[in-house]
N, C-alpha and C. Protein backbone atom coordinates (compact mmCIF):
# COMPACT_ATOMS: atom_id res chain seq x y z
N MET A 1 120.35 88.64 114.59
CA MET A 1 120.11 89.91 115.13
C MET A 1 119.65 91.35 114.24
N ILE A 2 118.53 91.31 113.97
CA ILE A 2 118.26 92.39 113.46
C ILE A 2 116.87 93.25 113.75
N ASP A 3 116.84 94.38 113.24
CA ASP A 3 115.41 95.21 114.13
C ASP A 3 115.29 96.77 112.52
N ALA A 4 113.94 97.15 112.71
CA ALA A 4 113.52 97.80 111.57
C ALA A 4 114.55 99.07 111.08
N THR A 5 115.22 99.29 112.40
CA THR A 5 116.32 100.68 112.34
C THR A 5 117.02 99.89 111.30
N LEU A 6 117.70 98.94 111.93
CA LEU A 6 118.54 98.92 110.78
C LEU A 6 118.23 97.95 109.59
N VAL A 7 116.90 98.00 108.90
CA VAL A 7 116.81 97.33 108.14
C VAL A 7 116.27 98.53 107.11
N LEU A 8 115.58 99.47 107.77
CA LEU A 8 115.49 100.83 107.32
C LEU A 8 117.25 101.86 106.77
N SER A 9 118.11 101.30 107.45
CA SER A 9 119.61 102.10 107.32
C SER A 9 119.70 100.97 105.77
N GLY A 10 119.41 99.70 106.21
CA GLY A 10 119.92 98.96 104.97
C GLY A 10 119.46 99.46 103.45
N TYR A 11 118.41 99.54 103.17
CA TYR A 11 117.75 100.03 102.73
C TYR A 11 118.06 101.01 102.00
N LEU A 12 117.84 102.24 103.25
CA LEU A 12 118.65 103.48 101.95
C LEU A 12 120.34 103.46 101.65
N GLN A 13 120.90 102.80 101.86
CA GLN A 13 122.26 102.12 101.69
C GLN A 13 121.87 101.13 99.94
N GLY A 14 120.95 100.90 99.99
CA GLY A 14 120.43 99.93 98.98
C GLY A 14 121.26 97.92 98.86
N VAL A 15 120.71 98.36 100.49
CA VAL A 15 121.20 96.62 100.81
C VAL A 15 119.92 96.44 101.72
N PHE A 16 119.28 94.88 101.08
CA PHE A 16 118.17 93.77 101.72
C PHE A 16 118.62 93.07 102.84
N PRO A 17 117.62 92.58 103.42
CA PRO A 17 117.53 90.77 103.89
C PRO A 17 117.38 90.03 103.61
N MET A 18 117.45 88.99 103.28
CA MET A 18 116.88 87.75 103.32
C MET A 18 117.96 86.26 104.46
N ALA A 19 116.46 85.49 104.40
CA ALA A 19 117.26 84.76 105.28
C ALA A 19 117.63 83.46 104.43
N ASP A 20 118.04 82.75 104.78
CA ASP A 20 119.26 81.35 104.92
C ASP A 20 117.80 80.22 105.19
N HIS A 21 118.05 79.24 104.32
CA HIS A 21 117.16 77.87 104.99
C HIS A 21 116.67 77.52 106.77
N ASP A 22 118.22 78.09 107.37
CA ASP A 22 118.47 77.72 108.58
C ASP A 22 118.11 79.25 109.36
N GLY A 23 117.24 79.91 108.88
CA GLY A 23 116.69 81.02 109.46
C GLY A 23 118.27 82.30 109.63
N THR A 24 119.17 81.61 109.29
CA THR A 24 120.64 83.23 109.11
C THR A 24 120.04 84.12 108.37
N ILE A 25 120.50 85.30 108.70
CA ILE A 25 119.71 86.37 107.81
C ILE A 25 121.37 86.71 107.32
N TYR A 26 121.17 86.97 105.76
CA TYR A 26 122.45 88.20 105.03
C TYR A 26 121.61 89.10 104.39
N TRP A 27 123.17 89.74 104.25
CA TRP A 27 122.22 91.14 103.45
C TRP A 27 123.03 90.92 102.24
N TYR A 28 122.01 91.57 101.15
CA TYR A 28 121.94 91.22 99.40
C TYR A 28 122.17 92.94 99.14
N GLU A 29 123.02 92.55 97.80
CA GLU A 29 123.69 94.20 97.03
C GLU A 29 123.03 93.84 95.80
N PRO A 30 122.50 93.04 95.22
CA PRO A 30 122.75 92.68 93.62
C PRO A 30 123.29 93.13 92.86
N ASP A 31 124.47 92.99 91.67
CA ASP A 31 124.87 93.45 90.31
C ASP A 31 124.82 92.70 89.71
N PRO A 32 124.18 93.09 88.76
CA PRO A 32 122.50 94.04 88.67
C PRO A 32 122.33 94.36 89.41
N ARG A 33 120.82 95.02 89.44
CA ARG A 33 119.92 95.41 89.65
C ARG A 33 118.17 94.82 88.86
N ALA A 34 117.34 94.46 89.90
CA ALA A 34 116.62 94.52 89.13
C ALA A 34 115.76 95.34 89.66
N ILE A 35 114.65 96.46 88.30
CA ILE A 35 113.95 97.05 88.83
C ILE A 35 112.27 97.13 87.44
N ILE A 36 111.83 97.75 87.55
CA ILE A 36 110.74 97.87 87.09
C ILE A 36 110.24 98.93 86.61
N PRO A 37 110.65 99.51 85.33
CA PRO A 37 110.36 101.44 85.42
C PRO A 37 109.04 101.41 85.65
N ILE A 38 108.24 102.19 85.98
CA ILE A 38 107.14 102.67 86.65
C ILE A 38 106.10 102.85 85.28
N HIS A 39 107.26 104.11 84.88
CA HIS A 39 106.09 104.58 83.70
C HIS A 39 106.28 104.01 81.85
N SER A 40 106.29 103.08 82.40
CA SER A 40 106.56 102.32 80.92
C SER A 40 105.55 100.93 81.31
N TYR A 41 105.13 100.37 81.76
CA TYR A 41 104.58 99.67 82.65
C TYR A 41 103.00 99.34 82.04
N LYS A 42 102.46 98.32 81.09
CA LYS A 42 101.04 98.25 81.14
C LYS A 42 100.88 96.56 81.46
N PRO A 43 99.45 96.75 81.39
CA PRO A 43 99.24 95.30 81.83
C PRO A 43 99.53 94.88 80.30
N ALA A 44 99.37 92.90 81.28
CA ALA A 44 98.94 92.14 80.07
C ALA A 44 97.69 91.97 79.18
N LYS A 45 97.82 92.10 77.90
CA LYS A 45 95.84 92.24 77.36
C LYS A 45 95.49 91.11 77.86
N SER A 46 95.32 89.79 78.09
CA SER A 46 94.64 89.27 79.03
C SER A 46 94.23 89.26 80.38
N LEU A 47 95.20 90.81 80.62
CA LEU A 47 94.40 90.64 82.52
C LEU A 47 93.66 91.62 82.54
N ARG A 48 93.41 92.78 81.28
CA ARG A 48 92.71 94.14 80.67
C ARG A 48 90.86 93.31 81.01
N PRO A 49 90.64 92.40 81.13
CA PRO A 49 88.97 92.07 81.09
C PRO A 49 89.11 91.55 82.45
N VAL A 50 89.89 91.41 83.51
CA VAL A 50 90.12 91.17 84.48
C VAL A 50 89.84 92.58 85.15
N LEU A 51 90.83 93.20 85.31
CA LEU A 51 90.36 94.84 85.61
C LEU A 51 88.83 95.24 85.29
N ASN A 52 88.75 95.21 84.00
CA ASN A 52 87.68 95.94 83.61
C ASN A 52 85.80 95.49 84.37
N LYS A 53 86.24 93.90 84.92
CA LYS A 53 85.28 93.12 85.21
C LYS A 53 85.01 93.90 87.00
N GLY A 54 86.35 94.39 87.41
CA GLY A 54 86.30 94.36 89.04
C GLY A 54 86.39 92.89 89.76
N ILE A 55 87.04 91.94 89.73
CA ILE A 55 86.57 90.41 89.97
C ILE A 55 87.29 91.04 91.69
N PHE A 56 88.59 91.36 91.66
CA PHE A 56 89.10 91.67 92.93
C PHE A 56 88.27 93.04 93.64
N GLU A 57 88.48 93.03 94.91
CA GLU A 57 88.56 94.42 95.36
C GLU A 57 89.46 95.04 95.95
N ILE A 58 90.50 95.66 95.55
CA ILE A 58 91.63 95.81 96.45
C ILE A 58 91.69 97.19 97.86
N ARG A 59 92.46 96.12 97.94
CA ARG A 59 92.85 97.62 99.68
C ARG A 59 94.20 97.17 99.75
N LEU A 60 94.38 98.63 100.68
CA LEU A 60 95.23 98.95 101.08
C LEU A 60 95.85 98.41 102.49
N ASN A 61 96.60 97.59 102.76
CA ASN A 61 97.00 97.57 104.23
C ASN A 61 96.25 97.24 105.28
N THR A 62 95.08 96.57 105.38
CA THR A 62 93.98 95.86 105.86
C THR A 62 94.78 94.14 106.23
N ALA A 63 95.20 93.54 105.63
CA ALA A 63 95.53 93.10 106.44
C ALA A 63 97.52 92.30 105.79
N PHE A 64 98.30 93.20 106.96
CA PHE A 64 99.48 93.18 106.34
C PHE A 64 99.91 91.90 106.90
N GLU A 65 100.01 91.51 108.16
CA GLU A 65 100.62 89.85 108.84
C GLU A 65 99.93 88.97 107.87
N ASP A 66 98.80 89.18 107.20
CA ASP A 66 98.35 87.84 106.33
C ASP A 66 98.89 87.54 105.25
N VAL A 67 99.62 89.20 104.52
CA VAL A 67 100.00 88.53 103.51
C VAL A 67 101.67 88.29 103.28
N ILE A 68 102.07 89.00 104.35
CA ILE A 68 103.50 88.57 104.61
C ILE A 68 103.52 87.21 104.76
N ARG A 69 102.73 86.34 105.83
CA ARG A 69 102.47 85.19 106.12
C ARG A 69 102.63 84.09 104.97
N GLN A 70 101.48 84.53 104.19
CA GLN A 70 101.50 83.79 102.89
C GLN A 70 101.92 84.11 101.85
N CYS A 71 103.45 84.86 102.04
CA CYS A 71 103.98 84.99 101.30
C CYS A 71 105.93 84.36 101.67
N SER A 72 105.50 84.09 103.00
CA SER A 72 106.84 83.11 103.10
C SER A 72 106.41 82.10 103.11
N LEU A 73 105.13 80.96 102.99
CA LEU A 73 105.07 79.85 102.30
C LEU A 73 106.14 79.68 101.35
N PRO A 74 106.89 78.73 101.01
CA PRO A 74 107.38 77.77 99.51
C PRO A 74 106.12 77.88 98.51
N ARG A 75 106.39 77.64 97.35
CA ARG A 75 106.10 77.90 96.08
C ARG A 75 105.01 76.11 95.74
N SER A 76 106.75 75.71 95.68
CA SER A 76 106.59 74.39 95.87
C SER A 76 107.44 73.60 96.78
N ALA A 77 107.30 72.04 96.40
CA ALA A 77 108.87 71.31 97.49
C ALA A 77 109.98 71.58 97.33
N GLU A 78 110.38 71.74 95.93
CA GLU A 78 112.10 72.79 95.26
C GLU A 78 112.03 73.90 96.55
N ASP A 79 110.94 74.54 97.09
CA ASP A 79 111.56 76.12 96.82
C ASP A 79 112.04 76.27 97.96
N GLY A 80 113.18 77.30 98.19
CA GLY A 80 113.23 77.43 99.61
C GLY A 80 112.48 78.92 100.16
N VAL A 81 112.82 79.48 101.07
CA VAL A 81 112.00 80.01 101.72
C VAL A 81 113.13 81.37 102.46
N TRP A 82 112.71 82.35 102.09
CA TRP A 82 113.71 83.42 103.05
C TRP A 82 113.07 84.87 104.06
N ILE A 83 111.74 84.27 103.68
CA ILE A 83 111.54 85.40 104.81
C ILE A 83 111.24 84.34 106.08
N SER A 84 111.69 84.53 106.82
CA SER A 84 112.08 83.79 108.86
C SER A 84 110.77 84.15 109.31
N GLU A 85 110.52 83.70 110.86
CA GLU A 85 110.00 84.40 111.64
C GLU A 85 110.37 85.68 111.65
N GLU A 86 111.59 85.88 111.75
CA GLU A 86 112.23 87.26 112.14
C GLU A 86 112.04 88.12 111.32
N ILE A 87 112.08 87.93 110.57
CA ILE A 87 111.97 88.93 109.18
C ILE A 87 110.70 89.74 109.16
N ILE A 88 109.45 88.43 109.40
CA ILE A 88 108.30 88.91 109.80
C ILE A 88 108.26 90.31 110.33
N GLN A 89 108.39 89.65 112.12
CA GLN A 89 108.68 90.62 112.52
C GLN A 89 108.90 91.79 112.82
N VAL A 90 109.77 91.84 111.67
CA VAL A 90 110.79 93.23 111.59
C VAL A 90 110.07 94.01 110.88
N TYR A 91 108.97 93.62 109.58
CA TYR A 91 108.41 93.95 109.02
C TYR A 91 107.29 94.44 109.46
N LEU A 92 106.78 93.85 110.40
CA LEU A 92 105.69 93.59 111.19
C LEU A 92 105.49 95.10 111.91
N ASP A 93 106.62 95.73 112.57
CA ASP A 93 107.20 97.01 113.06
C ASP A 93 107.08 97.64 111.73
N LEU A 94 107.71 97.45 110.62
CA LEU A 94 108.15 98.75 109.77
C LEU A 94 107.04 98.95 109.54
N HIS A 95 105.51 98.00 109.26
CA HIS A 95 104.21 98.45 108.90
C HIS A 95 104.06 99.25 109.99
N ASP A 96 104.26 98.50 111.28
CA ASP A 96 103.60 99.87 112.22
C ASP A 96 103.90 101.39 112.22
N TYR A 97 105.32 101.20 112.01
CA TYR A 97 106.19 102.82 111.42
C TYR A 97 105.71 103.37 110.39
N GLY A 98 105.18 102.55 109.62
CA GLY A 98 104.64 103.43 108.33
C GLY A 98 105.62 103.23 106.88
N PHE A 99 106.00 102.19 107.02
CA PHE A 99 106.81 102.51 106.26
C PHE A 99 106.81 100.96 105.44
N ALA A 100 106.25 100.18 105.99
CA ALA A 100 105.93 98.89 105.31
C ALA A 100 104.31 98.37 104.71
N HIS A 101 104.38 98.15 103.71
CA HIS A 101 103.04 98.12 102.95
C HIS A 101 102.25 96.88 102.43
N SER A 102 100.95 96.79 102.62
CA SER A 102 100.61 95.98 101.85
C SER A 102 99.57 96.08 100.77
N ILE A 103 99.20 95.84 99.12
CA ILE A 103 98.09 95.67 98.71
C ILE A 103 97.37 94.10 98.73
N GLU A 104 96.51 94.33 98.89
CA GLU A 104 95.13 93.19 98.74
C GLU A 104 94.54 93.01 98.08
N ALA A 105 94.35 91.86 96.80
CA ALA A 105 93.13 91.87 96.38
C ALA A 105 92.53 91.03 97.27
N TRP A 106 91.20 91.47 97.56
CA TRP A 106 90.05 90.26 98.34
C TRP A 106 88.90 89.54 96.47
N HIS A 107 88.67 88.82 97.08
CA HIS A 107 87.63 88.02 96.05
C HIS A 107 86.88 87.28 97.18
N ASN A 108 85.16 87.77 97.02
CA ASN A 108 84.35 86.90 97.64
C ASN A 108 84.22 87.55 99.08
N GLY A 109 85.29 87.96 99.73
CA GLY A 109 85.04 88.54 101.36
C GLY A 109 87.14 87.93 102.18
N GLU A 110 87.05 87.33 100.60
CA GLU A 110 88.10 86.28 101.22
C GLU A 110 89.97 87.35 101.02
N LEU A 111 90.85 86.93 101.43
CA LEU A 111 92.14 87.69 100.70
C LEU A 111 93.04 86.64 100.10
N ALA A 112 92.87 86.94 98.25
CA ALA A 112 93.31 85.72 97.63
C ALA A 112 94.20 85.96 96.81
N GLY A 113 95.28 87.47 97.49
CA GLY A 113 96.56 87.32 96.66
C GLY A 113 97.00 88.77 97.53
N GLY A 114 98.35 89.31 97.02
CA GLY A 114 98.69 90.68 97.31
C GLY A 114 100.40 91.04 96.42
N LEU A 115 100.39 91.81 97.38
CA LEU A 115 102.22 92.18 97.09
C LEU A 115 102.71 92.85 98.87
N TYR A 116 103.48 92.59 99.42
CA TYR A 116 104.41 93.81 100.40
C TYR A 116 105.34 94.83 99.80
N GLY A 117 105.21 95.55 100.16
CA GLY A 117 106.81 96.60 100.31
C GLY A 117 107.32 97.14 100.68
N VAL A 118 108.32 97.74 100.63
CA VAL A 118 108.71 99.26 101.71
C VAL A 118 108.62 100.52 101.20
N ALA A 119 107.90 101.53 101.30
CA ALA A 119 108.06 102.53 101.09
C ALA A 119 108.95 104.05 101.79
N LEU A 120 109.79 104.55 100.74
CA LEU A 120 111.38 105.91 101.15
C LEU A 120 111.13 106.86 100.42
N GLY A 121 110.46 107.95 100.62
CA GLY A 121 110.22 108.72 99.78
C GLY A 121 109.58 108.36 98.34
N LYS A 122 110.33 108.60 97.25
CA LYS A 122 110.09 108.02 96.37
C LYS A 122 110.60 106.44 95.79
N VAL A 123 110.65 105.49 96.20
CA VAL A 123 111.21 104.67 95.90
C VAL A 123 110.43 103.58 97.01
N PHE A 124 110.19 102.48 95.93
CA PHE A 124 109.17 101.13 96.55
C PHE A 124 109.74 100.72 96.22
N PHE A 125 110.05 99.14 97.51
CA PHE A 125 110.98 98.34 97.57
C PHE A 125 110.30 97.23 97.13
N GLY A 126 109.99 96.38 96.69
CA GLY A 126 109.27 95.25 96.31
C GLY A 126 109.36 93.95 96.94
N GLU A 127 109.18 93.41 97.92
CA GLU A 127 109.43 92.02 98.18
C GLU A 127 109.39 90.91 97.85
N SER A 128 107.72 90.55 98.12
CA SER A 128 106.88 89.03 97.88
C SER A 128 105.60 89.66 96.63
N MET A 129 105.46 88.34 96.52
CA MET A 129 103.92 88.41 96.24
C MET A 129 103.16 86.97 96.11
N PHE A 130 101.97 87.06 96.90
CA PHE A 130 101.65 85.99 96.41
C PHE A 130 99.86 85.94 95.21
N TYR A 131 99.62 84.60 95.14
CA TYR A 131 98.25 84.65 95.33
C TYR A 131 97.83 83.51 95.67
N LYS A 132 95.99 83.32 95.44
CA LYS A 132 95.34 82.31 95.74
C LYS A 132 94.49 81.10 94.68
N VAL A 133 94.09 83.06 94.33
CA VAL A 133 92.80 82.59 92.95
C VAL A 133 93.49 83.20 91.81
N PRO A 134 93.01 82.93 90.45
CA PRO A 134 94.21 83.41 89.41
C PRO A 134 94.30 84.49 89.20
N ASN A 135 94.86 85.16 89.00
CA ASN A 135 95.26 86.91 88.64
C ASN A 135 95.53 88.02 89.51
N ALA A 136 94.79 87.51 90.94
CA ALA A 136 95.37 88.41 92.06
C ALA A 136 96.50 88.96 92.49
N SER A 137 97.35 88.35 92.13
CA SER A 137 98.42 89.17 92.80
C SER A 137 98.98 90.39 91.29
N LYS A 138 99.03 89.87 90.50
CA LYS A 138 98.92 90.84 89.53
C LYS A 138 97.76 91.42 88.81
N VAL A 139 96.66 91.22 89.60
CA VAL A 139 95.63 92.75 89.48
C VAL A 139 96.46 93.62 90.58
N ALA A 140 96.83 93.06 92.11
CA ALA A 140 97.39 93.61 93.37
C ALA A 140 98.23 94.69 92.53
N PHE A 141 99.69 94.13 91.95
CA PHE A 141 100.64 94.97 91.26
C PHE A 141 100.02 95.84 90.18
N HIS A 142 99.54 95.65 89.62
CA HIS A 142 99.04 96.89 88.62
C HIS A 142 97.78 98.21 89.40
N TYR A 143 97.97 97.57 90.71
CA TYR A 143 96.91 98.62 91.68
C TYR A 143 98.10 99.68 92.00
N LEU A 144 99.01 98.82 92.35
CA LEU A 144 100.82 99.38 92.92
C LEU A 144 101.12 100.50 92.04
N ILE A 145 101.18 99.47 91.00
CA ILE A 145 101.83 100.35 89.74
C ILE A 145 100.91 102.40 89.32
N GLU A 146 99.55 101.75 89.39
CA GLU A 146 98.73 103.06 89.91
C GLU A 146 98.92 104.14 90.69
N ARG A 147 99.38 102.81 92.09
CA ARG A 147 99.56 103.85 92.93
C ARG A 147 100.35 104.76 92.94
N LEU A 148 101.71 104.34 92.67
CA LEU A 148 103.71 104.65 92.83
C LEU A 148 103.30 106.08 90.98
N LYS A 149 102.33 106.08 90.27
CA LYS A 149 102.54 107.07 89.06
C LYS A 149 101.87 108.04 89.72
N GLU A 150 100.81 107.77 90.44
CA GLU A 150 99.49 109.12 91.73
C GLU A 150 100.61 109.62 92.12
N ARG A 151 101.06 108.63 93.23
CA ARG A 151 102.32 109.55 94.03
C ARG A 151 103.49 110.00 93.63
N ASP A 152 103.88 109.97 92.32
CA ASP A 152 104.93 110.51 91.51
C ASP A 152 106.10 109.43 91.89
N PHE A 153 106.29 108.29 92.07
CA PHE A 153 107.28 107.67 92.71
C PHE A 153 107.80 107.48 91.85
N GLN A 154 109.56 107.31 91.75
CA GLN A 154 110.47 107.52 90.32
C GLN A 154 111.31 105.67 91.33
N LEU A 155 111.21 105.06 91.01
CA LEU A 155 112.04 103.96 91.15
C LEU A 155 111.10 102.83 92.35
N LEU A 156 111.13 101.55 91.25
CA LEU A 156 110.68 100.20 91.80
C LEU A 156 111.64 99.17 91.56
N ASP A 157 111.72 98.92 93.19
CA ASP A 157 113.10 98.06 93.08
C ASP A 157 112.31 96.60 92.86
N THR A 158 112.75 95.40 92.50
CA THR A 158 112.54 94.30 92.66
C THR A 158 113.57 93.50 92.72
N GLN A 159 115.09 94.17 93.18
CA GLN A 159 116.03 92.87 93.94
C GLN A 159 116.92 92.09 92.51
N PHE A 160 116.62 91.08 92.29
CA PHE A 160 116.53 89.79 91.88
C PHE A 160 115.86 90.44 90.51
N ILE A 161 115.95 89.39 89.48
CA ILE A 161 115.66 89.41 88.18
C ILE A 161 114.98 88.23 87.90
N ASN A 162 113.37 87.41 87.47
CA ASN A 162 113.31 86.44 87.39
C ASN A 162 112.09 86.10 86.44
N ASP A 163 111.49 84.85 86.42
CA ASP A 163 110.69 84.63 85.86
C ASP A 163 109.05 85.71 85.56
N ASN A 164 108.56 85.79 86.89
CA ASN A 164 107.14 86.53 87.64
C ASN A 164 107.99 87.65 87.64
N VAL A 165 109.38 89.11 88.02
CA VAL A 165 109.24 89.87 87.64
C VAL A 165 109.25 90.28 86.12
N LEU A 166 110.12 89.42 85.36
CA LEU A 166 109.88 89.80 84.23
C LEU A 166 108.84 89.76 83.69
N ARG A 167 107.65 89.67 83.62
CA ARG A 167 105.93 89.51 83.51
C ARG A 167 105.61 90.62 83.77
N TYR A 168 106.30 91.69 84.35
CA TYR A 168 105.82 92.70 84.01
C TYR A 168 106.55 93.99 84.02
N GLY A 169 107.75 93.72 83.25
CA GLY A 169 108.71 94.35 82.54
C GLY A 169 109.74 94.42 83.13
N ALA A 170 109.97 94.05 84.37
CA ALA A 170 111.58 94.46 84.93
C ALA A 170 112.88 93.96 83.54
N ILE A 171 113.17 95.32 84.29
CA ILE A 171 115.38 95.39 83.58
C ILE A 171 115.89 95.02 84.77
N GLU A 172 117.25 94.76 84.00
CA GLU A 172 118.56 94.96 85.31
C GLU A 172 119.41 96.30 84.39
N ILE A 173 119.36 96.52 85.68
CA ILE A 173 120.66 97.61 86.04
C ILE A 173 121.49 97.69 86.57
N PRO A 174 122.78 98.15 85.77
CA PRO A 174 124.56 98.47 86.98
C PRO A 174 123.82 98.48 87.90
N LYS A 175 124.20 97.98 89.52
CA LYS A 175 124.70 98.67 90.85
C LYS A 175 124.48 99.90 90.87
N GLU A 176 125.92 100.27 90.45
CA GLU A 176 125.70 102.16 90.21
C GLU A 176 124.86 103.08 89.30
N ASP A 177 123.90 102.40 88.61
CA ASP A 177 123.21 102.74 88.28
C ASP A 177 122.30 103.46 89.15
N PHE A 178 121.71 101.74 89.99
CA PHE A 178 120.47 101.46 91.10
C PHE A 178 121.10 102.83 92.28
N LEU A 179 121.91 102.45 92.35
CA LEU A 179 122.41 103.80 93.37
C LEU A 179 122.25 105.12 93.10
N GLU A 180 122.41 105.97 91.68
CA GLU A 180 122.29 106.73 91.74
C GLU A 180 120.98 107.19 91.62
N GLN A 181 120.05 106.31 91.31
CA GLN A 181 118.87 107.20 90.95
C GLN A 181 118.31 106.62 92.56
N LEU A 182 118.34 105.91 93.73
CA LEU A 182 118.47 105.49 94.95
C LEU A 182 118.66 107.42 95.72
N GLU A 183 119.48 107.36 95.72
CA GLU A 183 120.68 108.41 96.20
C GLU A 183 119.19 109.63 95.76
N ARG A 184 118.65 109.74 94.45
CA ARG A 184 118.09 110.94 93.87
C ARG A 184 116.95 110.87 94.84
N ASN A 185 116.02 109.50 95.52
CA ASN A 185 114.76 109.47 95.15
C ASN A 185 114.68 109.17 97.21
N VAL A 186 115.86 108.48 97.27
CA VAL A 186 115.01 108.20 98.58
C VAL A 186 115.27 108.84 99.51
N SER A 187 114.13 108.53 100.35
CA SER A 187 114.28 109.65 101.93
C SER A 187 113.04 108.85 103.25
N LEU A 188 113.11 109.31 104.34
CA LEU A 188 112.47 108.81 105.13
C LEU A 188 110.61 109.86 104.94
N ASP A 189 110.98 110.27 103.70
CA ASP A 189 109.24 110.32 103.92
C ASP A 189 108.44 109.10 103.56
N GLN A 190 106.99 109.84 104.11
CA GLN A 190 106.28 108.51 104.02
C GLN A 190 104.93 109.06 102.70
N LEU A 191 105.24 108.79 101.94
CA LEU A 191 104.54 109.45 100.46
C LEU A 191 103.69 108.39 99.99
N PHE A 192 103.64 107.46 100.18
CA PHE A 192 102.76 105.75 99.96
C PHE A 192 101.72 106.25 100.78
N TYR A 193 101.38 105.96 101.93
CA TYR A 193 99.99 105.53 102.43
C TYR A 193 99.96 107.19 103.62
N PRO A 194 98.62 107.99 104.10
CA PRO A 194 97.58 107.36 103.21
C PRO A 194 97.33 108.52 101.99
C-alpha cells in the first residue's frame, strides 16, 4: 500500500512509483534521469500556427481525475499500463492537498488532451499526458513550460527518455546531477498554483 505522504517522501528523494501489469507498485530511480531543460524549450515550428489560432482553451486543475484516468488507458494493444487504480487514488489525494496538477486542453467544450504531474518547490515532476484531438497534449505541454518559466521553476523531471519526451527537448543527465539539482530546488512549498 502507498499513500500520498509516502509518494511525497519519494519525490523529495528522487524516486517515484509505477504499477506493474498486476498492480504491484515498484519504486524507480533511473540512472541516467531524463529531464527537459525549461529555459531552452522551443515549440516545434508546426505547433506555432496551432498556438496562434487559439484552437484550444487551456484550463488548470478543472478535470484532474479525467486527465489521470485518460492517461491510465493503454495507448495500443501492446502497451502496458503503469497507472493503476491505487496510483490514481494516491494522486487524487495529492491533487486535493495541492501538490498534483493537471494542465488541460479543451476543444469545443470537451477535454481534448492534457497532462499531469507534481510540483514541489521549483521542481515539476511530469507524470503522463494524453490526447484525443491532434496537438492537444503538445499545446498543454507548451502552456506547462510557460507557467514553469513564469514561476521560476528550475527542474522539469520526465523520468525516462522516450520518443515522446525527446520531441520536447528531453535530455539525460547522471542520477547524481539530478539529485544535486533536486536538492537545490525541491521543497514542500506550493508555487505552481494558483
